[in-house]
Amino acid sequence: MSNSYIQPGKTIGIIGGGQLGRMMSLAAKEAGFRIIVLDPTENCPCAQLADEQITANYDDLQALDLLAKKCDVITFEFENIDYEALLDLTKKANVPQGAEIIRITQDRIIEKNTLVAAGVKVAPFEIILAKDDLKKGVDKLGYPCVLKTSRGGYDGKGQQVIKCNEDVLEAEKLLEHGACVLEAWIPFEKEVSVIVARNEKGDMECFPVGENNHVDNILHQTIVPARVNEKVAELAYELALSVAHHVQLVGTLAIEMFVANNGEIFVNELAPRPHNSGHYSIEACDFSQFAQHIRAVCNWPLKKPTLLKPVVMVNVLGQHVEPLLKEIPFHPEWSIHLYGKKQAKFQRKMGHITVLTEDIVQTLYTLEKSHIWN
């Protein structure tokens, strides 16, 4: 593994052209890099800022070859890219994150086993391959429990909560998509996340712990600092660093966790990239998760992020865009980010707002009173 670093003026390739790629590009541009994005959607959010777009599917080997020829380093902005194509790319291009982290995070079964091997707690789980396994698994774990497809689920898709016998029949449909994971229900007090970054030299840094609230299984708000005690926060950092070290992370990793009523922490899932729950860092920290990600994949020394002020980040979905636009004149304290997506679809992430505040409770009340989100 090389300890050389990528200098400004060089070209960073980004596989995936959504909002994460867009915000990575903004950070990379500030440091003086060129950007080429590979994405099947013409004029995608990232392409609007990139120097060049290669319009192709993520498994298009010819397009990936072209990206390899044109770029000095290549990163990715989400995990639903083609693993085999990425593995092939690592043999001919500088992809510091490698393909293994994608193999792990694309499959919940592999991810769970990796977390167990890393020595962190996960919810008790059973691997479900057939209907008989599901019945046995439910008997073993008890109600309530959650069945999740091992591949392809996000924002609550590919999941079924099982509270009774009737739910088991409904959950069986998920087996049509292949192997699943059945998880015991953790009666948690809060869901939190930590964004950790690591460079090729092995330097690691964490962003402050975020407290996450979901609506309809989609992240709605992140509150930072998370309203947890110091012991819980320290444990969350410890777990994040353990996982990052175990998977030999390069780049950024978001680790979502459940905090149980007794202060125990269970790791729920991993995302090998900047994450929605870290968007607050653009305004609220002295350094954003996107800038740290660029430093990590370019093998620069990492900065230790500092929270400048408490903050609330709220997602803007398709149905929230119109009411948000009407509220702009009344909220000078809101930092508004819209991602340049063509169509404001229902439940689709279109942007976010960030509010720096000395009074989290009052800010949450003001946001609710705006009626954008209800």
Protein backbone atom coordinates (compact mmCIF):
# COMPACT_ATOMS: atom_id res chain seq x y z
CA MET A 1 0.00 0.00 0.00
CA SER A 2 1.51 3.28 -1.13
CA ASN A 3 2.04 6.21 1.22
CA SER A 4 2.18 8.69 -1.65
CA TYR A 5 -0.61 11.25 -1.85
CA ILE A 6 -2.68 12.64 -4.72
CA GLN A 7 -1.83 16.26 -5.41
CA PRO A 8 -4.28 19.07 -6.26
CA GLY A 9 -4.68 19.45 -10.01
CA LYS A 10 -5.03 15.68 -10.44
CA THR A 11 -8.31 14.04 -11.45
CA ILE A 12 -10.68 12.22 -9.09
CA GLY A 13 -13.17 9.79 -10.63
CA ILE A 14 -16.48 9.29 -8.84
CA ILE A 15 -18.66 6.26 -9.55
CA GLY A 16 -22.22 7.41 -8.87
CA GLY A 17 -23.61 10.85 -9.59
CA GLY A 18 -26.14 11.52 -6.83
CA GLN A 19 -26.08 14.12 -4.07
CA LEU A 20 -23.17 12.49 -2.22
CA GLY A 21 -21.03 12.69 -5.36
CA ARG A 22 -22.16 16.29 -5.81
CA MET A 23 -21.06 17.27 -2.30
CA MET A 24 -17.80 15.30 -2.68
CA SER A 25 -17.17 17.30 -5.86
CA LEU A 26 -17.71 20.61 -4.08
CA ALA A 27 -15.13 19.62 -1.44
CA ALA A 28 -12.67 18.32 -4.06
CA LYS A 29 -13.02 21.47 -6.16
CA GLU A 30 -12.15 23.63 -3.15
CA ALA A 31 -8.89 21.69 -2.86
CA GLY A 32 -8.13 22.12 -6.58
CA PHE A 33 -8.99 18.71 -8.05
CA ARG A 34 -10.65 17.89 -11.37
CA ILE A 35 -13.72 15.60 -11.30
CA ILE A 36 -15.00 12.98 -13.73
CA VAL A 37 -18.24 11.23 -12.78
CA LEU A 38 -19.57 7.95 -14.14
CA ASP A 39 -23.37 7.68 -13.93
CA PRO A 40 -26.13 6.44 -16.26
CA THR A 41 -28.27 9.58 -15.77
CA GLU A 42 -27.25 12.51 -17.94
CA ASN A 43 -26.76 15.79 -16.06
CA CYS A 44 -27.12 14.01 -12.70
CA PRO A 45 -26.50 16.10 -9.52
CA CYS A 46 -22.75 15.39 -9.50
CA ALA A 47 -22.35 15.98 -13.26
CA GLN A 48 -23.64 19.54 -12.80
CA LEU A 49 -20.37 20.30 -10.97
CA ALA A 50 -17.96 17.82 -12.57
CA ASP A 51 -15.47 18.60 -15.35
CA GLU A 52 -16.74 15.64 -17.32
CA GLN A 53 -19.39 12.92 -17.21
CA ILE A 54 -19.10 9.41 -18.59
CA THR A 55 -22.75 8.42 -19.13
CA ALA A 56 -22.84 4.67 -18.61
CA ASN A 57 -24.04 1.93 -16.29
CA TYR A 58 -21.92 0.96 -13.28
CA ASP A 59 -21.15 -2.47 -14.77
CA ASP A 60 -20.05 -1.08 -18.16
CA LEU A 61 -16.46 -2.38 -18.28
CA GLN A 62 -15.56 -0.24 -21.29
CA ALA A 63 -16.76 2.93 -19.52
CA LEU A 64 -14.90 1.93 -16.34
CA ASP A 65 -11.73 1.39 -18.42
CA LEU A 66 -12.14 4.91 -19.80
CA LEU A 67 -12.59 6.26 -16.25
CA ALA A 68 -9.41 4.41 -15.19
CA LYS A 69 -7.41 5.96 -18.04
CA LYS A 70 -8.59 9.50 -17.27
CA CYS A 71 -8.32 9.53 -13.46
CA ASP A 72 -5.52 9.50 -10.89
CA VAL A 73 -7.73 8.10 -8.14
CA ILE A 74 -11.26 6.67 -8.16
CA THR A 75 -13.88 6.68 -5.38
CA PHE A 76 -17.60 5.79 -5.17
CA GLU A 77 -20.55 7.57 -3.62
CA PHE A 78 -22.84 4.65 -2.81
CA GLU A 79 -22.62 0.90 -2.32
CA ASN A 80 -25.14 -0.34 -4.92
CA ILE A 81 -22.55 -0.45 -7.67
CA ASP A 82 -21.41 -3.62 -9.42
CA TYR A 83 -18.96 -5.51 -7.18
CA GLU A 84 -17.40 -7.65 -9.94
CA ALA A 85 -16.88 -4.62 -12.19
CA LEU A 86 -15.35 -2.68 -9.28
CA LEU A 87 -13.06 -5.62 -8.44
CA ASP A 88 -11.88 -5.65 -12.07
CA LEU A 89 -11.31 -1.88 -11.90
CA THR A 90 -9.09 -2.21 -8.79
CA LYS A 91 -6.62 -4.24 -10.89
CA LYS A 92 -6.07 -1.45 -13.41
CA ALA A 93 -6.74 1.80 -11.52
CA ASN A 94 -6.03 3.48 -8.19
CA VAL A 95 -9.15 2.64 -6.12
CA PRO A 96 -7.90 3.07 -2.52
CA GLN A 97 -11.19 1.92 -0.96
CA GLY A 98 -10.89 -1.40 -2.80
CA ALA A 99 -13.82 -3.67 -3.63
CA GLU A 100 -13.96 -5.77 -0.44
CA ILE A 101 -15.86 -3.09 1.54
CA ILE A 102 -18.53 -3.16 -1.19
CA ARG A 103 -18.77 -6.96 -1.03
CA ILE A 104 -19.29 -6.69 2.74
CA THR A 105 -21.86 -3.89 2.73
CA GLN A 106 -23.90 -5.16 -0.24
CA ASP A 107 -24.85 -8.30 1.66
CA ARG A 108 -26.37 -8.15 5.15
CA ILE A 109 -25.26 -11.70 5.94
CA ILE A 110 -21.61 -10.94 5.17
CA GLU A 111 -21.95 -7.58 6.96
CA LYS A 112 -23.33 -9.18 10.14
CA ASN A 113 -20.60 -11.83 10.19
CA THR A 114 -17.95 -9.13 9.61
CA LEU A 115 -19.29 -7.08 12.53
CA VAL A 116 -19.26 -10.14 14.80
CA ALA A 117 -15.65 -10.83 13.73
CA ALA A 118 -14.81 -7.18 14.52
CA GLY A 119 -15.93 -7.85 18.10
CA VAL A 120 -18.91 -5.47 18.17
CA LYS A 121 -22.44 -6.28 19.32
CA VAL A 122 -25.20 -6.79 16.77
CA ALA A 123 -28.84 -7.74 17.34
CA PRO A 124 -29.22 -11.53 17.64
CA PHE A 125 -29.90 -12.81 14.12
CA GLU A 126 -30.67 -15.90 12.07
CA ILE A 127 -29.90 -16.50 8.39
CA ILE A 128 -33.10 -17.36 6.54
CA LEU A 129 -32.95 -19.28 3.26
CA ALA A 130 -36.42 -20.88 3.21
CA LYS A 131 -39.88 -20.69 4.84
CA ASP A 132 -38.98 -23.40 7.36
CA ASP A 133 -35.95 -21.36 8.47
CA LEU A 134 -38.24 -18.37 9.01
CA LYS A 135 -40.61 -20.30 11.30
CA LYS A 136 -37.67 -21.69 13.30
CA GLY A 137 -36.00 -18.29 13.44
CA VAL A 138 -39.16 -16.58 14.74
CA ASP A 139 -39.56 -19.32 17.38
CA LYS A 140 -35.95 -18.77 18.45
CA LEU A 141 -35.86 -14.94 18.45
CA GLY A 142 -39.50 -14.33 19.45
CA TYR A 143 -41.82 -11.44 18.60
CA PRO A 144 -41.26 -8.75 17.52
CA CYS A 145 -38.46 -9.35 15.03
CA VAL A 146 -37.50 -7.96 11.62
CA LEU A 147 -36.88 -9.85 8.37
CA LYS A 148 -34.57 -8.07 5.93
CA THR A 149 -33.46 -9.07 2.46
CA SER A 150 -29.72 -9.71 2.50
CA ARG A 151 -29.21 -7.60 -0.63
CA GLY A 152 -30.63 -4.45 -2.15
CA GLY A 153 -32.63 -2.86 0.68
CA TYR A 154 -32.32 0.81 1.63
CA ASP A 155 -34.52 3.48 3.28
CA GLY A 156 -36.68 0.72 4.79
CA LYS A 157 -37.21 -1.17 1.53
CA GLY A 158 -36.85 -4.95 1.66
CA GLN A 159 -37.88 -5.16 5.34
CA GLN A 160 -40.82 -6.55 7.25
CA VAL A 161 -41.50 -6.22 10.98
CA ILE A 162 -42.97 -9.45 12.37
CA LYS A 163 -45.23 -9.03 15.41
CA CYS A 164 -47.55 -12.04 15.00
CA ASN A 165 -48.27 -15.17 12.91
CA GLU A 166 -50.03 -13.19 10.15
CA ASP A 167 -46.90 -11.05 9.69
CA VAL A 168 -44.84 -14.22 9.11
CA LEU A 169 -46.94 -15.00 6.01
CA GLU A 170 -46.44 -11.47 4.71
CA ALA A 171 -42.69 -11.61 5.43
CA GLU A 172 -42.32 -14.86 3.46
CA LYS A 173 -42.68 -12.81 0.25
CA LEU A 174 -39.25 -11.30 0.91
CA LEU A 175 -37.71 -14.76 0.40
CA GLU A 176 -38.59 -14.44 -3.30
CA HIS A 177 -35.67 -11.97 -3.45
CA GLY A 178 -33.21 -14.53 -2.05
CA ALA A 179 -31.54 -15.09 1.32
CA CYS A 180 -32.69 -12.91 4.22
CA VAL A 181 -31.58 -12.03 7.74
CA LEU A 182 -34.00 -12.26 10.67
CA GLU A 183 -33.07 -9.91 13.51
CA ALA A 184 -34.35 -9.75 17.05
CA TRP A 185 -36.06 -6.45 17.86
CA ILE A 186 -33.84 -4.28 20.04
CA PRO A 187 -35.92 -2.05 22.36
CA PHE A 188 -33.70 0.95 21.75
CA GLU A 189 -33.77 4.38 23.31
CA LYS A 190 -32.07 6.15 20.41
CA GLU A 191 -30.54 5.48 17.04
CA VAL A 192 -27.16 7.13 16.62
CA SER A 193 -24.47 7.16 13.96
CA VAL A 194 -20.77 7.91 13.76
CA ILE A 195 -18.92 8.87 10.59
CA VAL A 196 -15.34 7.57 10.72
CA ALA A 197 -12.62 8.22 8.15
CA ARG A 198 -9.31 6.43 7.61
CA ASN A 199 -6.51 6.99 5.10
CA GLU A 200 -4.08 4.46 3.61
CA LYS A 201 -1.53 5.22 6.33
CA GLY A 202 -4.06 4.10 8.93
CA ASP A 203 -4.85 7.51 10.46
CA MET A 204 -8.44 7.54 11.77
CA GLU A 205 -10.77 10.33 12.86
CA CYS A 206 -14.45 10.39 13.90
CA PHE A 207 -17.12 13.06 13.49
CA PRO A 208 -19.35 13.84 16.50
CA VAL A 209 -22.07 11.31 17.32
CA GLY A 210 -25.37 12.12 15.60
CA GLU A 211 -28.84 11.24 16.95
CA ASN A 212 -31.12 10.09 14.12
CA ASN A 213 -34.89 10.20 13.84
CA HIS A 214 -36.63 8.33 11.02
CA VAL A 215 -40.08 8.77 9.49
CA ASP A 216 -41.40 5.94 7.27
CA ASN A 217 -37.94 4.31 7.50
CA ILE A 218 -36.28 7.33 5.85
CA LEU A 219 -33.91 9.53 7.85
CA HIS A 220 -35.81 12.68 8.83
CA GLN A 221 -33.56 14.52 11.31
CA THR A 222 -30.07 14.31 12.71
CA ILE A 223 -29.37 16.13 15.98
CA VAL A 224 -25.75 16.80 16.99
CA PRO A 225 -24.44 16.39 19.59
CA ALA A 226 -26.58 13.29 20.17
CA ARG A 227 -28.47 13.54 23.44
CA VAL A 228 -26.64 10.64 25.08
CA ASN A 229 -24.29 10.54 28.06
CA GLU A 230 -20.52 10.73 27.70
CA LYS A 231 -20.05 7.01 28.36
CA VAL A 232 -22.37 6.09 25.47
CA ALA A 233 -20.66 8.61 23.15
CA GLU A 234 -17.21 7.20 24.01
CA LEU A 235 -18.42 3.64 23.38
CA ALA A 236 -19.87 4.70 20.00
CA TYR A 237 -16.48 6.16 18.95
CA GLU A 238 -14.69 3.04 20.19
CA LEU A 239 -16.98 0.77 18.13
CA ALA A 240 -16.58 2.94 15.03
CA LEU A 241 -12.78 2.83 15.26
CA SER A 242 -12.82 -0.96 15.87
CA VAL A 243 -14.92 -1.59 12.76
CA ALA A 244 -12.87 0.82 10.59
CA HIS A 245 -9.66 -0.90 11.67
CA HIS A 246 -11.08 -4.40 11.20
CA VAL A 247 -12.21 -3.77 7.59
CA GLN A 248 -8.99 -1.81 6.85
CA LEU A 249 -11.15 1.11 5.76
CA VAL A 250 -9.91 3.74 3.34
CA GLY A 251 -12.28 6.67 2.90
CA THR A 252 -15.40 7.25 4.95
CA LEU A 253 -17.67 4.80 6.76
CA ALA A 254 -20.99 5.59 8.44
CA ILE A 255 -21.90 3.25 11.27
CA GLU A 256 -25.53 3.21 12.38
CA MET A 257 -26.14 1.98 15.92
CA PHE A 258 -28.96 1.35 18.38
CA VAL A 259 -28.52 2.56 21.95
CA ALA A 260 -30.46 0.21 24.25
CA ASN A 261 -32.17 1.38 27.45
CA ASN A 262 -29.27 0.05 29.55
CA GLY A 263 -26.64 1.98 27.53
CA GLU A 264 -25.52 -1.04 25.47
CA ILE A 265 -24.84 -0.30 21.81
CA PHE A 266 -25.72 -2.61 18.93
CA VAL A 267 -24.32 -1.90 15.47
CA ASN A 268 -27.14 -1.95 12.93
CA GLU A 269 -25.54 -1.32 9.55
CA LEU A 270 -22.61 0.17 7.63
CA ALA A 271 -22.41 2.56 4.69
CA PRO A 272 -18.93 2.79 3.09
CA ARG A 273 -19.16 6.46 2.08
CA PRO A 274 -20.25 9.86 3.36
CA HIS A 275 -23.73 9.54 4.83
CA ASN A 276 -26.97 11.47 5.09
CA SER A 277 -26.54 11.68 8.88
CA GLY A 278 -23.21 13.51 8.37
CA HIS A 279 -24.51 16.35 6.17
CA TYR A 280 -24.68 18.62 9.24
CA SER A 281 -20.84 18.71 9.18
CA ILE A 282 -20.80 21.12 6.20
CA GLU A 283 -21.91 24.03 8.41
CA ALA A 284 -21.60 22.73 11.98
CA CYS A 285 -17.99 21.44 11.94
CA ASP A 286 -14.74 23.13 11.01
CA PHE A 287 -14.42 20.44 8.33
CA SER A 288 -17.09 18.44 6.45
CA GLN A 289 -17.37 14.66 6.00
CA PHE A 290 -16.95 15.26 2.25
CA ALA A 291 -13.68 17.15 2.63
CA GLN A 292 -12.43 14.42 4.99
CA HIS A 293 -13.43 11.73 2.48
CA ILE A 294 -11.45 13.45 -0.28
CA ARG A 295 -8.44 13.73 2.05
CA ALA A 296 -8.74 10.03 2.98
CA VAL A 297 -8.93 8.67 -0.59
CA CYS A 298 -6.10 11.01 -1.66
CA ASN A 299 -4.04 9.77 1.33
CA TRP A 300 -3.67 13.21 2.87
CA PRO A 301 -3.34 13.52 6.65
CA LEU A 302 -6.79 13.64 8.24
CA LYS A 303 -8.09 16.56 10.27
CA LYS A 304 -9.71 16.14 13.68
CA PRO A 305 -13.25 17.49 13.26
CA THR A 306 -14.59 19.92 15.84
CA LEU A 307 -18.27 20.70 16.35
CA LEU A 308 -18.58 24.49 16.23
CA LYS A 309 -22.19 24.67 17.42
CA PRO A 310 -25.10 22.30 18.14
CA VAL A 311 -27.10 21.57 15.01
CA VAL A 312 -30.25 20.03 13.56
CA MET A 313 -30.21 18.63 10.01
CA VAL A 314 -33.57 17.90 8.33
CA ASN A 315 -34.10 16.06 5.06
CA VAL A 316 -36.17 17.63 2.30
CA LEU A 317 -38.12 14.99 0.34
CA GLY A 318 -40.03 15.56 -2.90
CA GLN A 319 -43.26 16.57 -1.14
CA HIS A 320 -41.40 19.12 1.02
CA VAL A 321 -39.78 21.17 -1.75
CA GLU A 322 -42.72 23.48 -2.57
CA PRO A 323 -43.57 24.34 1.07
CA LEU A 324 -39.85 24.85 1.82
CA LEU A 325 -39.45 27.38 -1.00
CA LYS A 326 -42.32 29.44 0.49
CA GLU A 327 -40.62 29.49 3.91
CA ILE A 328 -37.21 30.78 2.74
CA PRO A 329 -37.96 34.51 3.45
CA PHE A 330 -38.87 33.76 7.08
CA HIS A 331 -35.83 31.71 8.16
CA PRO A 332 -32.46 33.44 7.77
CA GLU A 333 -31.01 30.83 10.18
CA TRP A 334 -31.66 27.94 7.76
CA SER A 335 -28.85 26.75 5.47
CA ILE A 336 -30.61 25.26 2.46
CA HIS A 337 -29.10 22.58 0.21
CA LEU A 338 -30.98 21.38 -2.86
CA TYR A 339 -29.36 18.68 -4.97
CA GLY A 340 -30.31 19.66 -8.53
CA LYS A 341 -32.52 16.63 -9.18
CA LYS A 342 -34.88 17.12 -12.12
CA GLN A 343 -38.04 15.75 -10.55
CA ALA A 344 -39.35 16.23 -7.03
CA LYS A 345 -40.74 12.72 -6.46
CA PHE A 346 -42.70 11.77 -3.34
CA GLN A 347 -40.40 10.35 -0.59
CA ARG A 348 -37.29 11.01 -2.73
CA LYS A 349 -34.42 12.91 -1.10
CA MET A 350 -34.20 16.29 -2.83
CA GLY A 351 -32.12 18.24 -0.35
CA HIS A 352 -31.62 19.07 3.31
CA ILE A 353 -31.54 22.06 5.60
CA THR A 354 -29.12 22.67 8.46
CA VAL A 355 -29.88 24.86 11.47
CA LEU A 356 -27.09 25.86 13.87
CA THR A 357 -28.60 26.53 17.27
CA GLU A 358 -27.97 27.06 20.97
CA ASP A 359 -31.43 25.65 21.75
CA ILE A 360 -32.16 22.27 20.13
CA VAL A 361 -35.66 21.98 21.67
CA GLN A 362 -36.72 25.42 20.41
CA THR A 363 -35.30 24.69 16.95
CA LEU A 364 -37.18 21.38 16.73
CA TYR A 365 -40.36 23.26 17.69
CA THR A 366 -39.76 25.95 15.03
CA LEU A 367 -39.19 23.30 12.36
CA GLU A 368 -42.38 21.50 13.31
CA LYS A 369 -44.35 24.78 13.36
CA SER A 370 -43.27 25.52 9.75
CA HIS A 371 -45.62 22.68 8.61
CA ILE A 372 -43.22 21.69 5.83
CA TRP A 373 -42.84 18.19 7.26
CA ASN A 374 -46.37 17.53 8.52
